[in-house]
Protein backbone atom coordinates (compact mmCIF):
# COMPACT_ATOMS: atom_id res chain seq x y z
CA MET A 1 236.15 109.75 318.85
CA THR A 2 233.42 112.36 319.08
CA VAL A 3 231.92 113.99 316.00
CA GLU A 4 233.76 117.19 316.98
CA GLU A 5 237.10 115.34 317.08
CA ILE A 6 236.46 113.58 313.77
CA ASN A 7 235.47 116.81 311.97
CA THR A 8 238.42 118.69 313.49
CA GLU A 9 240.84 116.01 312.28
CA ILE A 10 239.39 116.17 308.76
CA LEU A 11 239.87 119.95 308.73
CA LYS A 12 243.34 119.86 310.34
CA HIS A 13 244.57 117.41 307.73
CA ALA A 14 243.11 119.52 304.90
CA PHE A 15 244.70 122.73 306.16
CA MET A 16 248.08 121.04 306.73
CA ARG A 17 248.02 119.82 303.11
CA TRP A 18 246.81 123.26 301.95
CA ASN A 19 249.84 124.92 303.57
CA ASP A 20 252.32 122.18 302.59
CA THR A 21 251.27 122.34 298.92
CA LYS A 22 250.96 126.15 298.97
CA GLY A 23 247.33 125.99 297.92
CA LYS A 24 247.63 123.21 295.35
CA SER A 25 245.72 120.50 297.27
CA THR A 26 242.49 121.34 295.46
CA ASP A 27 241.61 117.69 294.79
CA HIS A 28 241.84 116.91 298.49
CA TRP A 29 239.48 119.79 299.36
CA LEU A 30 237.02 118.78 296.65
CA GLY A 31 237.05 115.25 298.06
CA ILE A 32 235.88 116.40 301.50
CA LEU A 33 233.10 118.65 300.17
CA ALA A 34 229.49 117.54 299.85
CA ASP A 35 228.01 117.78 296.34
CA GLU A 36 225.97 120.77 297.51
CA VAL A 37 227.85 123.25 299.68
CA ASP A 38 227.37 126.83 300.81
CA PHE A 39 230.84 128.35 300.26
CA ARG A 40 231.28 132.04 301.04
CA SER A 41 234.19 134.44 301.08
CA LEU A 42 234.15 137.88 302.70
CA ALA A 43 235.14 139.66 299.46
CA ASP A 44 231.99 138.18 297.88
CA GLY A 45 232.89 138.55 294.22
CA HIS A 46 234.42 142.04 294.37
CA SER A 47 235.42 143.17 290.87
CA THR A 48 239.14 142.56 291.49
CA LEU A 49 238.47 139.23 293.22
CA GLU A 50 235.60 137.79 291.20
CA PHE A 51 236.55 134.22 292.12
CA THR A 52 235.34 134.97 295.69
CA SER A 53 231.66 135.02 294.72
CA ARG A 54 229.34 132.65 296.60
CA ARG A 55 229.56 129.02 295.52
CA ARG A 56 226.87 126.37 295.94
CA SER A 57 228.36 123.14 294.60
CA ARG A 58 231.62 121.19 294.58
CA ASP A 59 232.17 122.14 290.90
CA GLU A 60 231.68 125.83 291.72
CA VAL A 61 234.16 125.59 294.61
CA ALA A 62 236.65 124.12 292.10
CA GLU A 63 236.18 127.32 290.07
CA TYR A 64 236.88 129.36 293.22
CA MET A 65 240.09 127.41 293.90
CA ASN A 66 241.24 127.73 290.29
CA GLY A 67 240.64 131.48 290.41
CA LEU A 68 242.41 131.76 293.74
CA ASN A 69 245.50 129.96 292.47
CA ASP A 70 245.45 131.78 289.12
CA GLN A 71 245.37 135.18 290.81
CA LEU A 72 247.34 134.57 294.01
CA GLU A 73 250.39 132.60 295.15
CA MET A 74 250.33 131.26 298.70
CA ILE A 75 253.14 132.18 301.06
CA HIS A 76 251.65 130.41 304.10
CA TYR A 77 248.44 129.22 305.67
CA THR A 78 248.81 128.85 309.42
CA VAL A 79 246.06 127.63 311.73
CA LYS A 80 246.76 128.46 315.38
CA PHE A 81 243.77 126.66 316.91
CA TYR A 82 240.48 124.92 316.25
CA VAL A 83 237.20 125.18 318.13
CA ALA A 84 234.50 122.58 317.56
CA GLU A 85 230.94 122.26 318.73
CA GLY A 86 228.38 119.92 317.24
CA ASP A 87 228.68 119.88 313.46
CA ARG A 88 230.81 123.06 313.28
CA VAL A 89 234.56 123.61 313.42
CA VAL A 90 236.21 127.03 313.46
CA ALA A 91 239.84 127.34 312.36
CA VAL A 92 241.64 130.51 313.49
CA GLY A 93 245.04 131.65 312.25
CA SER A 94 246.56 133.70 309.47
CA THR A 95 247.43 133.46 305.80
CA ALA A 96 249.72 135.30 303.40
CA TRP A 97 249.59 135.45 299.62
CA ARG A 98 251.24 137.31 296.75
CA ASN A 99 249.09 138.77 293.98
CA ARG A 100 250.52 137.41 290.72
CA SER A 101 249.63 140.48 288.62
CA THR A 102 250.65 143.26 291.04
CA GLY A 103 253.41 141.49 292.97
CA LYS A 104 251.94 142.86 296.22
CA THR A 105 251.60 140.63 299.27
CA PHE A 106 249.27 140.48 302.23
CA ASP A 107 249.34 138.65 305.55
CA THR A 108 245.94 138.67 307.22
CA PRO A 109 244.27 137.16 310.24
CA LYS A 110 241.93 134.40 309.06
CA ALA A 111 238.98 132.52 310.48
CA ASP A 112 237.07 129.76 308.73
CA VAL A 113 233.72 128.55 310.01
CA VAL A 114 233.00 125.09 308.63
CA ARG A 115 229.90 122.93 309.01
CA PHE A 116 229.99 119.18 308.41
CA LYS A 117 227.33 116.58 307.66
CA ASP A 118 228.24 112.89 307.53
CA GLY A 119 231.97 113.69 307.37
CA LYS A 120 231.64 116.12 304.43
CA ILE A 121 231.79 119.91 304.40
CA VAL A 122 228.37 121.41 303.67
CA ALA A 123 229.16 125.04 304.56
CA PHE A 124 232.38 127.05 304.57
CA TYR A 125 232.61 130.75 305.47
CA GLU A 126 235.97 132.50 305.34
CA PHE A 127 236.72 135.75 307.16
CA TYR A 128 239.83 137.91 306.61
CA ASP A 129 240.93 141.54 306.24
CA THR A 130 239.22 142.33 302.95
CA ALA A 131 240.66 145.85 302.75
CA MET A 132 244.18 144.45 302.92
CA VAL A 133 243.47 141.77 300.31
CA LEU A 134 241.72 144.22 297.97
CA ALA A 135 244.60 146.70 298.26
CA THR A 136 247.00 144.10 296.89
CA SER A 137 244.74 143.40 293.89
CA GLU A 138 244.72 146.99 292.69
CA SER A 139 247.48 148.55 290.59
CA ASP A 140 249.23 151.64 291.87
CA ALA A 141 247.79 154.84 290.40
CA SER A 142 251.29 156.06 289.55
CA ALA A 143 252.08 152.99 287.45
């Protein structure tokens, strides 16, 4: 297998588990991360989504995942296709979650750009409709 095929299989398996467990396969994700990782989310620590701030280690990504699961409940995580070149794999699909405090849901297009080194994730950048996600984290003004 090529490095692209190996890295794609690692990511496919992780995302299948992520969807099947509705976001509870944190230990699996932590196991495929390097000790030092550049983990970024498009919301970048917005005040209603503080868990999305930039993370630089496996332990910090664990904090991200705990915050994600504390604040949101996964409905689905669907990857439609993967594109790999060299040490990078891009996963493109969609994801839907329910905000636990507001009860609001979102379903957004999603792209993850992942870089591997020696079979471990060393960089992870997630892209999604931040306006949609932020709207579900804010209470209605009339409430």
